[in-house]
Amino acid sequence: MLRAITAITIFLLLFVSFAGLKSCKTEFDSNAIGIERKLSRMIGYTIVASSNVDRVLEDRRDFTKIIVLSDGTSFNLDEMMFLDPLPLSDVVVFAKPIPKELREKFKDLPERHLFLWKIAVNREIYSVTPR
C-alpha cells in the first residue's frame, strides 16, 4: 500500500513539473515574438538609459501609474499596464526626438517634451512621459 501511494505521489510530482515547464516555455516564446514585433516599430528610437524598477506608484487624482527607477528617474505611463513590474525588474529607456517642424513651432517646450519616450520592462514596451 505504501509503495502504491509513493508511486502515485512521484507520478503526480513529475506530471505537475513537466506541465509547468511546458507552459513556461510557451509563454516565453510568445513574449519573445511580441517584443520583436514591438521593437520593429521603434525605428528612430535610441537607448538612452538602463536601470531597474525601484517602485510603482499610482496617482490618485487620475489613476495613472508612475514608475520610479533606481537612479531616481520617474515616468508617467501613457498607456495601461496590467501587472506592475516587481522591484529590481530591468528597464530600458528609449527616446526619439520630435520632428524639427514641431521643435521650431514650440520653442518654449521643456527639454523632456522634445522627445518621444518609451520604456521596455518585463518584455513589454510602454509609452511614457518623464516627470
N, C-alpha and C. Protein backbone atom coordinates (compact mmCIF):
# COMPACT_ATOMS: atom_id res chain seq x y z
N MET A 1 0.82 -1.19 0.00
CA MET A 1 0.00 0.00 0.00
C MET A 1 0.87 1.25 0.00
N LEU A 2 1.91 1.26 0.84
CA LEU A 2 2.80 2.41 0.91
C LEU A 2 3.52 2.64 -0.41
N ARG A 3 3.93 1.55 -1.08
CA ARG A 3 4.59 1.68 -2.39
C ARG A 3 3.65 2.29 -3.42
N ALA A 4 2.39 1.92 -3.39
CA ALA A 4 1.41 2.46 -4.34
C ALA A 4 1.22 3.96 -4.12
N ILE A 5 1.13 4.38 -2.87
CA ILE A 5 0.97 5.81 -2.56
C ILE A 5 2.22 6.58 -2.98
N THR A 6 3.40 6.02 -2.71
CA THR A 6 4.65 6.66 -3.10
C THR A 6 4.74 6.78 -4.62
N ALA A 7 4.37 5.73 -5.34
CA ALA A 7 4.42 5.76 -6.80
C ALA A 7 3.45 6.81 -7.35
N ILE A 8 2.26 6.89 -6.78
CA ILE A 8 1.28 7.88 -7.24
C ILE A 8 1.79 9.29 -6.95
N THR A 9 2.37 9.51 -5.79
CA THR A 9 2.90 10.83 -5.43
C THR A 9 4.01 11.24 -6.38
N ILE A 10 4.93 10.32 -6.68
CA ILE A 10 6.03 10.63 -7.61
C ILE A 10 5.48 10.94 -8.99
N PHE A 11 4.50 10.15 -9.44
CA PHE A 11 3.89 10.40 -10.74
C PHE A 11 3.26 11.80 -10.79
N LEU A 12 2.51 12.16 -9.75
CA LEU A 12 1.87 13.48 -9.72
C LEU A 12 2.90 14.61 -9.70
N LEU A 13 3.96 14.44 -8.94
CA LEU A 13 5.01 15.47 -8.89
C LEU A 13 5.67 15.65 -10.26
N LEU A 14 5.98 14.54 -10.92
CA LEU A 14 6.59 14.62 -12.24
C LEU A 14 5.62 15.25 -13.26
N PHE A 15 4.36 14.86 -13.19
CA PHE A 15 3.36 15.39 -14.12
C PHE A 15 3.22 16.89 -13.96
N VAL A 16 3.11 17.36 -12.71
CA VAL A 16 2.97 18.80 -12.44
C VAL A 16 4.24 19.53 -12.87
N SER A 17 5.41 18.97 -12.62
CA SER A 17 6.67 19.61 -13.00
C SER A 17 6.77 19.77 -14.51
N PHE A 18 6.50 18.70 -15.26
CA PHE A 18 6.60 18.79 -16.71
C PHE A 18 5.53 19.70 -17.30
N ALA A 19 4.34 19.69 -16.73
CA ALA A 19 3.27 20.57 -17.22
C ALA A 19 3.68 22.02 -17.01
N GLY A 20 4.29 22.33 -15.86
CA GLY A 20 4.74 23.69 -15.59
C GLY A 20 5.84 24.13 -16.52
N LEU A 21 6.80 23.23 -16.81
CA LEU A 21 7.88 23.58 -17.72
C LEU A 21 7.37 23.86 -19.12
N LYS A 22 6.42 23.06 -19.57
CA LYS A 22 5.89 23.26 -20.91
C LYS A 22 5.20 24.61 -21.03
N SER A 23 4.39 25.00 -20.02
CA SER A 23 3.67 26.27 -20.10
C SER A 23 4.64 27.44 -20.01
N CYS A 24 5.71 27.32 -19.21
CA CYS A 24 6.69 28.41 -19.13
C CYS A 24 7.37 28.61 -20.47
N LYS A 25 7.74 27.53 -21.14
CA LYS A 25 8.41 27.64 -22.43
C LYS A 25 7.49 28.31 -23.45
N THR A 26 6.23 27.92 -23.48
CA THR A 26 5.29 28.51 -24.42
C THR A 26 5.11 29.99 -24.14
N GLU A 27 4.99 30.36 -22.86
CA GLU A 27 4.81 31.77 -22.51
C GLU A 27 6.04 32.57 -22.92
N PHE A 28 7.24 32.04 -22.66
CA PHE A 28 8.46 32.73 -23.02
C PHE A 28 8.53 32.95 -24.53
N ASP A 29 8.24 31.90 -25.29
CA ASP A 29 8.31 32.01 -26.75
C ASP A 29 7.33 33.06 -27.27
N SER A 30 6.11 33.10 -26.76
CA SER A 30 5.13 34.07 -27.26
C SER A 30 5.52 35.48 -26.88
N ASN A 31 6.11 35.69 -25.69
CA ASN A 31 6.56 37.02 -25.29
C ASN A 31 7.74 37.47 -26.14
N ALA A 32 8.63 36.56 -26.47
CA ALA A 32 9.79 36.93 -27.29
C ALA A 32 9.34 37.40 -28.66
N ILE A 33 8.36 36.74 -29.23
CA ILE A 33 7.85 37.16 -30.53
C ILE A 33 7.21 38.53 -30.42
N GLY A 34 6.45 38.76 -29.35
CA GLY A 34 5.78 40.03 -29.14
C GLY A 34 6.75 41.19 -29.03
N ILE A 35 7.83 41.02 -28.30
CA ILE A 35 8.80 42.09 -28.11
C ILE A 35 9.51 42.41 -29.43
N GLU A 36 9.80 41.40 -30.22
CA GLU A 36 10.45 41.66 -31.52
C GLU A 36 9.54 42.50 -32.41
N ARG A 37 8.26 42.16 -32.44
CA ARG A 37 7.31 42.90 -33.25
C ARG A 37 7.23 44.36 -32.80
N LYS A 38 7.21 44.56 -31.49
CA LYS A 38 7.13 45.93 -30.96
C LYS A 38 8.41 46.70 -31.23
N LEU A 39 9.55 46.04 -31.10
CA LEU A 39 10.82 46.72 -31.38
C LEU A 39 10.95 47.10 -32.85
N SER A 40 10.37 46.31 -33.73
CA SER A 40 10.45 46.63 -35.16
C SER A 40 9.68 47.90 -35.50
N ARG A 41 8.76 48.31 -34.63
CA ARG A 41 8.01 49.55 -34.84
C ARG A 41 8.68 50.76 -34.20
N MET A 42 9.86 50.58 -33.65
CA MET A 42 10.53 51.66 -32.92
C MET A 42 11.73 52.22 -33.67
N ILE A 43 11.65 52.25 -34.97
CA ILE A 43 12.73 52.81 -35.78
C ILE A 43 12.88 54.29 -35.43
N GLY A 44 14.11 54.71 -35.20
CA GLY A 44 14.38 56.10 -34.84
C GLY A 44 14.59 56.32 -33.36
N TYR A 45 14.17 55.35 -32.54
CA TYR A 45 14.38 55.46 -31.10
C TYR A 45 15.81 55.04 -30.76
N THR A 46 16.35 55.63 -29.72
CA THR A 46 17.70 55.32 -29.25
C THR A 46 17.62 54.92 -27.78
N ILE A 47 18.42 53.95 -27.40
CA ILE A 47 18.51 53.59 -25.99
C ILE A 47 19.28 54.70 -25.28
N VAL A 48 18.65 55.33 -24.29
CA VAL A 48 19.29 56.44 -23.59
C VAL A 48 19.63 56.10 -22.14
N ALA A 49 19.04 55.04 -21.61
CA ALA A 49 19.34 54.67 -20.23
C ALA A 49 18.91 53.23 -19.97
N SER A 50 19.49 52.67 -18.94
CA SER A 50 19.12 51.34 -18.48
C SER A 50 19.17 51.37 -16.95
N SER A 51 18.14 50.86 -16.33
CA SER A 51 18.07 50.92 -14.88
C SER A 51 17.18 49.79 -14.38
N ASN A 52 16.77 49.89 -13.13
CA ASN A 52 15.87 48.91 -12.52
C ASN A 52 14.68 49.64 -11.92
N VAL A 53 13.58 48.93 -11.79
CA VAL A 53 12.40 49.50 -11.13
C VAL A 53 12.69 49.60 -9.64
N ASP A 54 12.44 50.78 -9.08
CA ASP A 54 12.54 50.97 -7.64
C ASP A 54 11.16 50.74 -7.01
N ARG A 55 10.15 51.40 -7.60
CA ARG A 55 8.78 51.21 -7.11
C ARG A 55 7.78 51.71 -8.16
N VAL A 56 6.55 51.31 -8.00
CA VAL A 56 5.46 51.76 -8.88
C VAL A 56 4.43 52.45 -8.00
N LEU A 57 4.09 53.67 -8.37
CA LEU A 57 3.11 54.46 -7.62
C LEU A 57 1.88 54.67 -8.49
N GLU A 58 0.78 55.06 -7.85
CA GLU A 58 -0.43 55.38 -8.60
C GLU A 58 -0.90 56.76 -8.18
N ASP A 59 -1.07 57.65 -9.17
CA ASP A 59 -1.56 58.98 -8.92
C ASP A 59 -3.06 58.88 -8.63
N ARG A 60 -3.47 59.26 -7.43
CA ARG A 60 -4.86 59.09 -7.02
C ARG A 60 -5.82 60.05 -7.73
N ARG A 61 -5.29 61.14 -8.30
CA ARG A 61 -6.16 62.09 -9.00
C ARG A 61 -6.70 61.53 -10.30
N ASP A 62 -5.81 60.95 -11.10
CA ASP A 62 -6.25 60.43 -12.40
C ASP A 62 -5.93 58.95 -12.60
N PHE A 63 -5.46 58.29 -11.55
CA PHE A 63 -5.19 56.85 -11.54
C PHE A 63 -4.13 56.43 -12.56
N THR A 64 -3.24 57.33 -12.93
CA THR A 64 -2.13 56.94 -13.80
C THR A 64 -1.03 56.32 -12.94
N LYS A 65 -0.28 55.45 -13.55
CA LYS A 65 0.82 54.80 -12.83
C LYS A 65 2.11 55.57 -13.07
N ILE A 66 2.93 55.60 -12.06
CA ILE A 66 4.23 56.26 -12.11
C ILE A 66 5.28 55.21 -11.79
N ILE A 67 6.24 55.05 -12.70
CA ILE A 67 7.33 54.11 -12.48
C ILE A 67 8.55 54.91 -12.04
N VAL A 68 9.06 54.58 -10.87
CA VAL A 68 10.26 55.23 -10.33
C VAL A 68 11.41 54.25 -10.48
N LEU A 69 12.48 54.70 -11.14
CA LEU A 69 13.64 53.84 -11.37
C LEU A 69 14.64 54.00 -10.24
N SER A 70 15.56 53.07 -10.13
CA SER A 70 16.54 53.08 -9.05
C SER A 70 17.50 54.26 -9.14
N ASP A 71 17.63 54.85 -10.33
CA ASP A 71 18.51 56.03 -10.47
C ASP A 71 17.78 57.34 -10.15
N GLY A 72 16.50 57.25 -9.71
CA GLY A 72 15.73 58.43 -9.32
C GLY A 72 14.83 58.98 -10.41
N THR A 73 15.00 58.54 -11.65
CA THR A 73 14.16 58.98 -12.75
C THR A 73 12.76 58.41 -12.57
N SER A 74 11.75 59.20 -12.93
CA SER A 74 10.38 58.68 -12.85
C SER A 74 9.62 59.03 -14.12
N PHE A 75 8.69 58.16 -14.47
CA PHE A 75 7.91 58.30 -15.70
C PHE A 75 6.43 58.08 -15.40
N ASN A 76 5.58 58.90 -16.04
CA ASN A 76 4.14 58.64 -16.05
C ASN A 76 3.87 57.68 -17.19
N LEU A 77 3.10 56.64 -16.94
CA LEU A 77 2.70 55.72 -18.01
C LEU A 77 1.59 56.35 -18.82
N ASP A 78 1.74 56.37 -20.13
CA ASP A 78 0.73 56.94 -21.02
C ASP A 78 -0.26 55.89 -21.50
N GLU A 79 -0.06 54.65 -21.12
CA GLU A 79 -0.96 53.58 -21.53
C GLU A 79 -1.14 52.61 -20.38
N MET A 80 -2.07 51.69 -20.54
CA MET A 80 -2.45 50.76 -19.48
C MET A 80 -1.37 49.70 -19.24
N MET A 81 -1.04 49.50 -17.97
CA MET A 81 -0.14 48.42 -17.57
C MET A 81 -0.94 47.50 -16.65
N PHE A 82 -1.12 46.26 -17.09
CA PHE A 82 -1.97 45.35 -16.33
C PHE A 82 -1.31 44.83 -15.07
N LEU A 83 -0.03 44.49 -15.15
CA LEU A 83 0.68 43.98 -13.99
C LEU A 83 1.84 44.91 -13.66
N ASP A 84 1.94 45.30 -12.42
CA ASP A 84 3.05 46.15 -12.00
C ASP A 84 4.34 45.34 -12.02
N PRO A 85 5.43 45.94 -12.53
CA PRO A 85 6.70 45.22 -12.50
C PRO A 85 7.21 45.10 -11.08
N LEU A 86 7.91 44.04 -10.80
CA LEU A 86 8.49 43.84 -9.49
C LEU A 86 9.69 44.76 -9.30
N PRO A 87 9.97 45.16 -8.06
CA PRO A 87 11.20 45.93 -7.82
C PRO A 87 12.40 45.16 -8.35
N LEU A 88 13.36 45.87 -8.86
CA LEU A 88 14.59 45.37 -9.46
C LEU A 88 14.40 44.78 -10.85
N SER A 89 13.19 44.88 -11.43
CA SER A 89 13.00 44.47 -12.82
C SER A 89 13.82 45.38 -13.72
N ASP A 90 14.45 44.82 -14.73
CA ASP A 90 15.25 45.61 -15.66
C ASP A 90 14.35 46.51 -16.50
N VAL A 91 14.84 47.74 -16.74
CA VAL A 91 14.12 48.71 -17.56
C VAL A 91 15.10 49.31 -18.56
N VAL A 92 14.69 49.39 -19.83
CA VAL A 92 15.47 50.07 -20.84
C VAL A 92 14.65 51.28 -21.29
N VAL A 93 15.29 52.46 -21.31
CA VAL A 93 14.61 53.70 -21.67
C VAL A 93 15.03 54.09 -23.08
N PHE A 94 14.03 54.37 -23.93
CA PHE A 94 14.25 54.78 -25.31
C PHE A 94 13.75 56.22 -25.49
N ALA A 95 14.39 56.96 -26.39
CA ALA A 95 13.93 58.31 -26.72
C ALA A 95 14.08 58.55 -28.22
N LYS A 96 13.20 59.39 -28.74
CA LYS A 96 13.23 59.75 -30.15
C LYS A 96 12.87 61.23 -30.24
N PRO A 97 13.70 62.05 -30.90
CA PRO A 97 13.37 63.48 -30.98
C PRO A 97 12.10 63.71 -31.78
N ILE A 98 11.34 64.74 -31.35
CA ILE A 98 10.15 65.08 -32.12
C ILE A 98 10.60 65.73 -33.43
N PRO A 99 9.74 65.78 -34.44
CA PRO A 99 10.14 66.37 -35.73
C PRO A 99 10.60 67.82 -35.59
N LYS A 100 11.52 68.20 -36.47
CA LYS A 100 12.12 69.54 -36.44
C LYS A 100 11.06 70.63 -36.55
N GLU A 101 10.03 70.40 -37.36
CA GLU A 101 8.98 71.41 -37.52
C GLU A 101 8.30 71.71 -36.19
N LEU A 102 8.05 70.68 -35.40
CA LEU A 102 7.41 70.89 -34.10
C LEU A 102 8.35 71.59 -33.12
N ARG A 103 9.63 71.27 -33.16
CA ARG A 103 10.59 71.94 -32.28
C ARG A 103 10.66 73.42 -32.59
N GLU A 104 10.62 73.77 -33.88
CA GLU A 104 10.67 75.18 -34.27
C GLU A 104 9.37 75.89 -33.92
N LYS A 105 8.26 75.22 -34.05
CA LYS A 105 6.95 75.82 -33.77
C LYS A 105 6.75 76.06 -32.28
N PHE A 106 7.22 75.12 -31.45
CA PHE A 106 7.06 75.21 -30.00
C PHE A 106 8.43 75.32 -29.34
N LYS A 107 9.04 76.50 -29.45
CA LYS A 107 10.42 76.69 -28.96
C LYS A 107 10.51 76.71 -27.43
N ASP A 108 9.41 76.98 -26.76
CA ASP A 108 9.45 77.10 -25.30
C ASP A 108 9.14 75.79 -24.57
N LEU A 109 9.09 74.70 -25.29
CA LEU A 109 8.82 73.41 -24.64
C LEU A 109 9.97 73.02 -23.73
N PRO A 110 9.64 72.44 -22.57
CA PRO A 110 10.72 71.89 -21.73
C PRO A 110 11.44 70.77 -22.48
N GLU A 111 12.68 70.56 -22.13
CA GLU A 111 13.50 69.58 -22.85
C GLU A 111 12.89 68.18 -22.86
N ARG A 112 12.25 67.79 -21.76
CA ARG A 112 11.67 66.44 -21.69
C ARG A 112 10.56 66.24 -22.71
N HIS A 113 9.94 67.34 -23.18
CA HIS A 113 8.87 67.23 -24.18
C HIS A 113 9.39 67.32 -25.61
N LEU A 114 10.68 67.46 -25.77
CA LEU A 114 11.28 67.49 -27.11
C LEU A 114 11.54 66.09 -27.64
N PHE A 115 11.20 65.09 -26.85
CA PHE A 115 11.43 63.71 -27.22
C PHE A 115 10.17 62.88 -27.00
N LEU A 116 10.03 61.82 -27.77
CA LEU A 116 9.03 60.79 -27.51
C LEU A 116 9.74 59.71 -26.70
N TRP A 117 9.12 59.27 -25.62
CA TRP A 117 9.76 58.35 -24.70
C TRP A 117 9.03 57.01 -24.65
N LYS A 118 9.79 55.96 -24.51
CA LYS A 118 9.24 54.61 -24.30
C LYS A 118 10.15 53.88 -23.34
N ILE A 119 9.57 52.93 -22.62
CA ILE A 119 10.38 52.06 -21.76
C ILE A 119 10.03 50.61 -22.08
N ALA A 120 11.01 49.75 -21.94
CA ALA A 120 10.81 48.31 -22.06
C ALA A 120 11.00 47.71 -20.67
N VAL A 121 9.95 47.04 -20.21
CA VAL A 121 10.01 46.37 -18.90
C VAL A 121 9.17 45.11 -18.99
N ASN A 122 9.70 44.02 -18.48
CA ASN A 122 9.01 42.72 -18.49
C ASN A 122 8.54 42.33 -19.89
N ARG A 123 9.41 42.51 -20.87
CA ARG A 123 9.13 42.11 -22.26
C ARG A 123 7.96 42.85 -22.89
N GLU A 124 7.63 44.01 -22.33
CA GLU A 124 6.58 44.87 -22.88
C GLU A 124 7.16 46.25 -23.09
N ILE A 125 6.61 46.99 -24.05
CA ILE A 125 7.06 48.35 -24.33
C ILE A 125 5.90 49.29 -24.08
N TYR A 126 6.17 50.38 -23.33
CA TYR A 126 5.14 51.33 -22.96
C TYR A 126 5.56 52.74 -23.34
N SER A 127 4.60 53.54 -23.77
CA SER A 127 4.82 54.96 -23.98
C SER A 127 4.77 55.65 -22.61
N VAL A 128 5.71 56.54 -22.37
CA VAL A 128 5.80 57.22 -21.09
C VAL A 128 6.12 58.70 -21.28
N THR A 129 5.94 59.46 -20.21
CA THR A 129 6.32 60.87 -20.17
C THR A 129 7.17 61.08 -18.93
N PRO A 130 8.34 61.66 -19.04
CA PRO A 130 9.16 61.91 -17.84
C PRO A 130 8.46 62.89 -16.90
N ARG A 131 8.71 62.73 -15.62
CA ARG A 131 8.15 63.64 -14.60
C ARG A 131 9.15 64.70 -14.24
